N, C-alpha and C. Protein backbone atom coordinates (compact mmCIF):
# COMPACT_ATOMS: atom_id res chain seq x y z
N MET A 1 -97.18 81.87 -53.24
CA MET A 1 -97.87 83.11 -52.96
C MET A 1 -99.25 82.85 -52.35
N ASP A 2 -99.97 81.84 -52.84
CA ASP A 2 -101.30 81.55 -52.35
C ASP A 2 -101.27 81.10 -50.89
N ARG A 3 -100.21 80.38 -50.52
CA ARG A 3 -100.09 79.92 -49.13
C ARG A 3 -99.93 81.10 -48.18
N ARG A 4 -99.12 82.08 -48.56
CA ARG A 4 -98.93 83.27 -47.71
C ARG A 4 -100.22 84.08 -47.63
N ARG A 5 -100.93 84.17 -48.74
CA ARG A 5 -102.19 84.91 -48.74
C ARG A 5 -103.22 84.21 -47.85
N GLY A 6 -103.24 82.88 -47.91
CA GLY A 6 -104.17 82.13 -47.05
C GLY A 6 -103.85 82.33 -45.58
N LEU A 7 -102.56 82.35 -45.25
CA LEU A 7 -102.17 82.58 -43.86
C LEU A 7 -102.51 83.99 -43.42
N SER A 8 -102.27 84.97 -44.26
CA SER A 8 -102.60 86.34 -43.88
C SER A 8 -104.11 86.54 -43.77
N ASN A 9 -104.88 85.88 -44.63
CA ASN A 9 -106.34 85.93 -44.51
C ASN A 9 -106.81 85.28 -43.22
N TRP A 10 -106.17 84.16 -42.83
CA TRP A 10 -106.53 83.48 -41.59
C TRP A 10 -106.22 84.36 -40.39
N ILE A 11 -105.06 85.00 -40.39
CA ILE A 11 -104.69 85.88 -39.28
C ILE A 11 -105.64 87.07 -39.21
N ALA A 12 -105.99 87.64 -40.36
CA ALA A 12 -106.95 88.75 -40.38
C ALA A 12 -108.30 88.30 -39.81
N GLY A 13 -108.74 87.12 -40.20
CA GLY A 13 -110.00 86.59 -39.67
C GLY A 13 -109.92 86.36 -38.18
N LEU A 14 -108.79 85.86 -37.71
CA LEU A 14 -108.62 85.61 -36.27
C LEU A 14 -108.67 86.91 -35.48
N VAL A 15 -107.98 87.94 -35.97
CA VAL A 15 -107.96 89.23 -35.27
C VAL A 15 -109.36 89.85 -35.25
N VAL A 16 -110.04 89.83 -36.39
CA VAL A 16 -111.40 90.37 -36.44
C VAL A 16 -112.32 89.53 -35.56
N GLY A 17 -112.13 88.22 -35.55
CA GLY A 17 -112.95 87.33 -34.73
C GLY A 17 -112.80 87.60 -33.25
N VAL A 18 -111.56 87.82 -32.80
CA VAL A 18 -111.35 88.12 -31.38
C VAL A 18 -112.00 89.46 -31.03
N GLY A 19 -111.78 90.47 -31.85
CA GLY A 19 -112.39 91.78 -31.59
C GLY A 19 -113.91 91.71 -31.62
N ALA A 20 -114.45 91.05 -32.63
CA ALA A 20 -115.90 90.92 -32.73
C ALA A 20 -116.45 90.05 -31.61
N GLY A 21 -115.67 89.06 -31.18
CA GLY A 21 -116.11 88.21 -30.07
C GLY A 21 -116.27 88.98 -28.78
N VAL A 22 -115.33 89.86 -28.50
CA VAL A 22 -115.45 90.71 -27.30
C VAL A 22 -116.65 91.63 -27.45
N LEU A 23 -116.76 92.26 -28.60
CA LEU A 23 -117.85 93.22 -28.79
C LEU A 23 -119.22 92.56 -28.80
N THR A 24 -119.35 91.34 -29.31
CA THR A 24 -120.66 90.69 -29.32
C THR A 24 -121.14 90.39 -27.92
N LEU A 25 -120.23 90.25 -26.97
CA LEU A 25 -120.63 90.02 -25.59
C LEU A 25 -120.87 91.32 -24.83
N VAL A 26 -120.22 92.40 -25.24
CA VAL A 26 -120.33 93.68 -24.54
C VAL A 26 -121.33 94.61 -25.23
N LEU A 27 -121.16 94.80 -26.51
CA LEU A 27 -122.05 95.64 -27.34
C LEU A 27 -122.45 94.82 -28.57
N PRO A 28 -123.45 93.95 -28.41
CA PRO A 28 -123.75 92.95 -29.45
C PRO A 28 -123.95 93.51 -30.86
N VAL A 29 -124.64 94.61 -30.99
CA VAL A 29 -124.92 95.14 -32.33
C VAL A 29 -123.62 95.45 -33.05
N PHE A 30 -122.70 96.12 -32.37
CA PHE A 30 -121.43 96.49 -33.00
C PHE A 30 -120.59 95.25 -33.34
N GLY A 31 -120.57 94.29 -32.44
CA GLY A 31 -119.80 93.07 -32.69
C GLY A 31 -120.29 92.31 -33.90
N TRP A 32 -121.62 92.14 -33.99
CA TRP A 32 -122.17 91.40 -35.13
C TRP A 32 -122.03 92.18 -36.43
N VAL A 33 -122.12 93.50 -36.36
CA VAL A 33 -121.93 94.31 -37.58
C VAL A 33 -120.50 94.15 -38.08
N ILE A 34 -119.52 94.15 -37.19
CA ILE A 34 -118.12 93.98 -37.59
C ILE A 34 -117.91 92.60 -38.21
N ALA A 35 -118.46 91.57 -37.57
CA ALA A 35 -118.32 90.21 -38.12
C ALA A 35 -118.99 90.09 -39.48
N ALA A 36 -120.19 90.66 -39.62
CA ALA A 36 -120.90 90.61 -40.90
C ALA A 36 -120.16 91.40 -41.98
N ALA A 37 -119.62 92.56 -41.61
CA ALA A 37 -118.87 93.36 -42.58
C ALA A 37 -117.63 92.61 -43.06
N PHE A 38 -116.98 91.89 -42.16
CA PHE A 38 -115.82 91.09 -42.56
C PHE A 38 -116.23 90.00 -43.54
N LEU A 39 -117.34 89.34 -43.24
CA LEU A 39 -117.81 88.28 -44.14
C LEU A 39 -118.21 88.83 -45.51
N VAL A 40 -118.83 90.00 -45.53
CA VAL A 40 -119.19 90.62 -46.80
C VAL A 40 -117.93 91.00 -47.57
N GLY A 41 -116.92 91.47 -46.86
CA GLY A 41 -115.66 91.82 -47.50
C GLY A 41 -114.93 90.62 -48.09
N LEU A 42 -115.26 89.43 -47.62
CA LEU A 42 -114.63 88.22 -48.14
C LEU A 42 -115.08 87.86 -49.55
N VAL A 43 -116.11 88.52 -50.03
CA VAL A 43 -116.60 88.23 -51.38
C VAL A 43 -115.47 88.41 -52.40
N ARG A 44 -114.61 89.38 -52.16
CA ARG A 44 -113.53 89.66 -53.10
C ARG A 44 -112.21 88.98 -52.73
N ALA A 45 -112.13 88.41 -51.56
CA ALA A 45 -110.87 87.80 -51.08
C ALA A 45 -110.73 86.37 -51.59
N THR A 46 -109.50 85.99 -51.86
CA THR A 46 -109.19 84.60 -52.17
C THR A 46 -107.92 84.24 -51.42
N PRO A 47 -107.79 83.16 -50.79
CA PRO A 47 -108.83 82.17 -50.48
C PRO A 47 -109.68 82.61 -49.30
N ARG A 48 -110.97 82.35 -49.41
CA ARG A 48 -111.92 82.78 -48.39
C ARG A 48 -111.97 81.86 -47.19
N ILE A 49 -111.86 80.57 -47.42
CA ILE A 49 -112.14 79.61 -46.36
C ILE A 49 -111.18 79.77 -45.17
N SER A 50 -109.94 80.15 -45.43
CA SER A 50 -109.01 80.35 -44.32
C SER A 50 -109.42 81.55 -43.47
N ALA A 51 -109.92 82.60 -44.11
CA ALA A 51 -110.38 83.78 -43.37
C ALA A 51 -111.62 83.45 -42.54
N VAL A 52 -112.53 82.66 -43.10
CA VAL A 52 -113.72 82.24 -42.36
C VAL A 52 -113.31 81.38 -41.17
N GLY A 53 -112.33 80.50 -41.38
CA GLY A 53 -111.83 79.68 -40.28
C GLY A 53 -111.25 80.52 -39.16
N GLY A 54 -110.46 81.51 -39.50
CA GLY A 54 -109.89 82.39 -38.49
C GLY A 54 -110.95 83.19 -37.76
N LEU A 55 -111.94 83.68 -38.51
CA LEU A 55 -113.01 84.47 -37.91
C LEU A 55 -113.78 83.65 -36.87
N PHE A 56 -114.22 82.47 -37.25
CA PHE A 56 -115.01 81.66 -36.33
C PHE A 56 -114.17 81.11 -35.18
N LEU A 57 -112.91 80.81 -35.44
CA LEU A 57 -112.04 80.37 -34.36
C LEU A 57 -111.83 81.49 -33.34
N GLY A 58 -111.64 82.71 -33.82
CA GLY A 58 -111.49 83.86 -32.93
C GLY A 58 -112.76 84.17 -32.16
N LEU A 59 -113.90 84.16 -32.85
CA LEU A 59 -115.18 84.41 -32.18
C LEU A 59 -115.45 83.39 -31.09
N GLY A 60 -115.38 82.13 -31.44
CA GLY A 60 -115.72 81.07 -30.50
C GLY A 60 -114.76 80.98 -29.32
N THR A 61 -113.48 81.10 -29.60
CA THR A 61 -112.49 81.03 -28.51
C THR A 61 -112.67 82.20 -27.55
N THR A 62 -112.93 83.37 -28.08
CA THR A 62 -113.14 84.54 -27.23
C THR A 62 -114.39 84.35 -26.38
N TRP A 63 -115.46 83.88 -26.99
CA TRP A 63 -116.69 83.64 -26.23
C TRP A 63 -116.43 82.66 -25.10
N LEU A 64 -115.81 81.53 -25.42
CA LEU A 64 -115.57 80.52 -24.39
C LEU A 64 -114.69 81.06 -23.28
N ALA A 65 -113.62 81.74 -23.64
CA ALA A 65 -112.69 82.26 -22.63
C ALA A 65 -113.37 83.27 -21.71
N LEU A 66 -114.09 84.23 -22.28
CA LEU A 66 -114.72 85.27 -21.47
C LEU A 66 -115.87 84.73 -20.63
N LEU A 67 -116.67 83.84 -21.19
CA LEU A 67 -117.80 83.30 -20.43
C LEU A 67 -117.34 82.40 -19.30
N VAL A 68 -116.35 81.57 -19.55
CA VAL A 68 -115.83 80.70 -18.49
C VAL A 68 -115.16 81.54 -17.41
N ARG A 69 -114.43 82.56 -17.83
CA ARG A 69 -113.78 83.44 -16.85
C ARG A 69 -114.82 84.14 -15.97
N SER A 70 -115.89 84.63 -16.57
CA SER A 70 -116.92 85.31 -15.77
C SER A 70 -117.59 84.33 -14.80
N HIS A 71 -117.77 83.09 -15.22
CA HIS A 71 -118.34 82.07 -14.33
C HIS A 71 -117.43 81.84 -13.13
N PHE A 72 -116.13 81.71 -13.36
CA PHE A 72 -115.21 81.48 -12.26
C PHE A 72 -115.05 82.71 -11.37
N GLU A 73 -115.15 83.89 -11.95
CA GLU A 73 -115.12 85.11 -11.14
C GLU A 73 -116.32 85.16 -10.20
N CYS A 74 -117.47 84.76 -10.69
CA CYS A 74 -118.67 84.73 -9.88
C CYS A 74 -118.54 83.70 -8.75
N GLN A 75 -117.97 82.54 -9.06
CA GLN A 75 -117.76 81.53 -8.03
C GLN A 75 -116.78 82.02 -6.97
N ALA A 76 -115.73 82.70 -7.38
CA ALA A 76 -114.77 83.23 -6.42
C ALA A 76 -115.42 84.29 -5.54
N PHE A 77 -116.27 85.10 -6.10
CA PHE A 77 -116.98 86.12 -5.34
C PHE A 77 -117.91 85.46 -4.33
N ASN A 78 -118.55 84.37 -4.72
CA ASN A 78 -119.45 83.64 -3.82
C ASN A 78 -118.71 82.95 -2.68
N ALA A 79 -117.43 82.68 -2.87
CA ALA A 79 -116.66 81.97 -1.84
C ALA A 79 -116.43 82.84 -0.60
N VAL A 80 -116.51 84.13 -0.75
CA VAL A 80 -116.33 85.04 0.38
C VAL A 80 -117.63 85.09 1.17
N PRO A 81 -117.58 84.89 2.49
CA PRO A 81 -118.80 84.91 3.29
C PRO A 81 -119.52 86.26 3.21
N GLY A 82 -120.82 86.20 3.11
CA GLY A 82 -121.63 87.40 3.09
C GLY A 82 -121.76 88.04 1.72
N GLN A 83 -121.22 87.42 0.69
CA GLN A 83 -121.32 87.98 -0.66
C GLN A 83 -122.03 86.98 -1.56
N GLY A 84 -122.71 87.47 -2.55
CA GLY A 84 -123.40 86.59 -3.47
C GLY A 84 -123.39 87.12 -4.88
N CYS A 85 -123.29 86.21 -5.81
CA CYS A 85 -123.30 86.55 -7.23
C CYS A 85 -124.26 85.60 -7.91
N MET A 86 -125.24 86.14 -8.60
CA MET A 86 -126.18 85.31 -9.34
C MET A 86 -125.62 85.07 -10.74
N ASP A 87 -125.17 83.87 -10.98
CA ASP A 87 -124.59 83.50 -12.26
C ASP A 87 -125.71 83.11 -13.23
N PRO A 88 -125.89 83.81 -14.35
CA PRO A 88 -126.94 83.42 -15.30
C PRO A 88 -126.58 82.10 -15.98
N ASP A 89 -127.57 81.51 -16.62
CA ASP A 89 -127.33 80.27 -17.35
C ASP A 89 -126.58 80.58 -18.64
N ILE A 90 -125.31 80.20 -18.68
CA ILE A 90 -124.49 80.49 -19.86
C ILE A 90 -124.32 79.26 -20.74
N GLY A 91 -125.04 78.18 -20.42
CA GLY A 91 -124.94 76.94 -21.19
C GLY A 91 -125.17 77.12 -22.68
N PRO A 92 -126.26 77.79 -23.09
CA PRO A 92 -126.48 77.96 -24.53
C PRO A 92 -125.38 78.80 -25.20
N TYR A 93 -124.86 79.78 -24.49
CA TYR A 93 -123.79 80.60 -25.05
C TYR A 93 -122.49 79.80 -25.18
N LEU A 94 -122.24 78.92 -24.21
CA LEU A 94 -121.07 78.05 -24.31
C LEU A 94 -121.21 77.09 -25.49
N ALA A 95 -122.42 76.58 -25.69
CA ALA A 95 -122.65 75.69 -26.83
C ALA A 95 -122.45 76.43 -28.15
N LEU A 96 -122.93 77.67 -28.22
CA LEU A 96 -122.74 78.46 -29.43
C LEU A 96 -121.25 78.76 -29.65
N GLY A 97 -120.53 79.08 -28.58
CA GLY A 97 -119.08 79.31 -28.69
C GLY A 97 -118.35 78.07 -29.15
N ALA A 98 -118.74 76.91 -28.61
CA ALA A 98 -118.10 75.65 -29.02
C ALA A 98 -118.41 75.34 -30.49
N ALA A 99 -119.63 75.65 -30.93
CA ALA A 99 -119.97 75.45 -32.34
C ALA A 99 -119.15 76.36 -33.24
N GLN A 100 -118.92 77.60 -32.80
CA GLN A 100 -118.10 78.52 -33.58
C GLN A 100 -116.67 78.01 -33.67
N VAL A 101 -116.15 77.50 -32.56
CA VAL A 101 -114.79 76.94 -32.58
C VAL A 101 -114.73 75.75 -33.53
N ALA A 102 -115.74 74.89 -33.49
CA ALA A 102 -115.77 73.72 -34.37
C ALA A 102 -115.79 74.14 -35.84
N ILE A 103 -116.61 75.13 -36.17
CA ILE A 103 -116.65 75.64 -37.55
C ILE A 103 -115.29 76.19 -37.94
N GLY A 104 -114.66 76.94 -37.03
CA GLY A 104 -113.34 77.49 -37.29
C GLY A 104 -112.29 76.43 -37.52
N ILE A 105 -112.33 75.37 -36.72
CA ILE A 105 -111.35 74.28 -36.87
C ILE A 105 -111.56 73.57 -38.21
N VAL A 106 -112.80 73.27 -38.53
CA VAL A 106 -113.08 72.57 -39.80
C VAL A 106 -112.67 73.43 -40.99
N ALA A 107 -113.01 74.71 -40.96
CA ALA A 107 -112.65 75.60 -42.08
C ALA A 107 -111.14 75.78 -42.18
N THR A 108 -110.48 75.88 -41.04
CA THR A 108 -109.02 76.03 -41.05
C THR A 108 -108.35 74.77 -41.58
N ALA A 109 -108.87 73.61 -41.19
CA ALA A 109 -108.30 72.34 -41.68
C ALA A 109 -108.60 72.14 -43.16
N ALA A 110 -109.74 72.63 -43.62
CA ALA A 110 -110.11 72.45 -45.03
C ALA A 110 -109.37 73.40 -45.96
N ALA A 111 -108.86 74.49 -45.44
CA ALA A 111 -108.20 75.49 -46.29
C ALA A 111 -106.99 74.93 -47.05
N PRO A 112 -106.04 74.25 -46.38
CA PRO A 112 -104.90 73.72 -47.16
C PRO A 112 -105.30 72.61 -48.13
N ILE A 113 -106.31 71.84 -47.77
CA ILE A 113 -106.78 70.77 -48.66
C ILE A 113 -107.38 71.37 -49.92
N ARG A 114 -108.17 72.40 -49.73
CA ARG A 114 -108.78 73.07 -50.89
C ARG A 114 -107.73 73.79 -51.74
N ALA A 115 -106.72 74.35 -51.09
CA ALA A 115 -105.66 75.05 -51.83
C ALA A 115 -104.88 74.09 -52.72
N ARG A 116 -104.69 72.86 -52.26
CA ARG A 116 -103.95 71.87 -53.07
C ARG A 116 -104.75 71.46 -54.30
N ARG A 117 -106.06 71.46 -54.19
CA ARG A 117 -106.92 71.09 -55.33
C ARG A 117 -106.86 72.13 -56.43
N HIS A 118 -106.69 73.39 -56.06
CA HIS A 118 -106.75 74.47 -57.05
C HIS A 118 -105.41 74.86 -57.46
């Protein structure tokens, strides 16, 4: 039963992470409020670590995918003569997205190990 609950918590975290990831880039206040509300709701959930892993994996993957896509869209727009797109520096945001993915991977990997201990 605990294994199924951990998987469902991970999937819930992933879904909320993807949604919050999109919103944090488009409407930051709403995205961060949703992510924070999910984390506050985890106070009562067990196991928590799988949900945290899903949340950060969803957030980071969404950030990386959308930011890289926007960069390539800007490059494609620049390839057409007479058009220009000023691409902002997204390096720090990519680093933050990669850190979120790393946290998600570590938490997801730690969830089954922690479940075996308990």
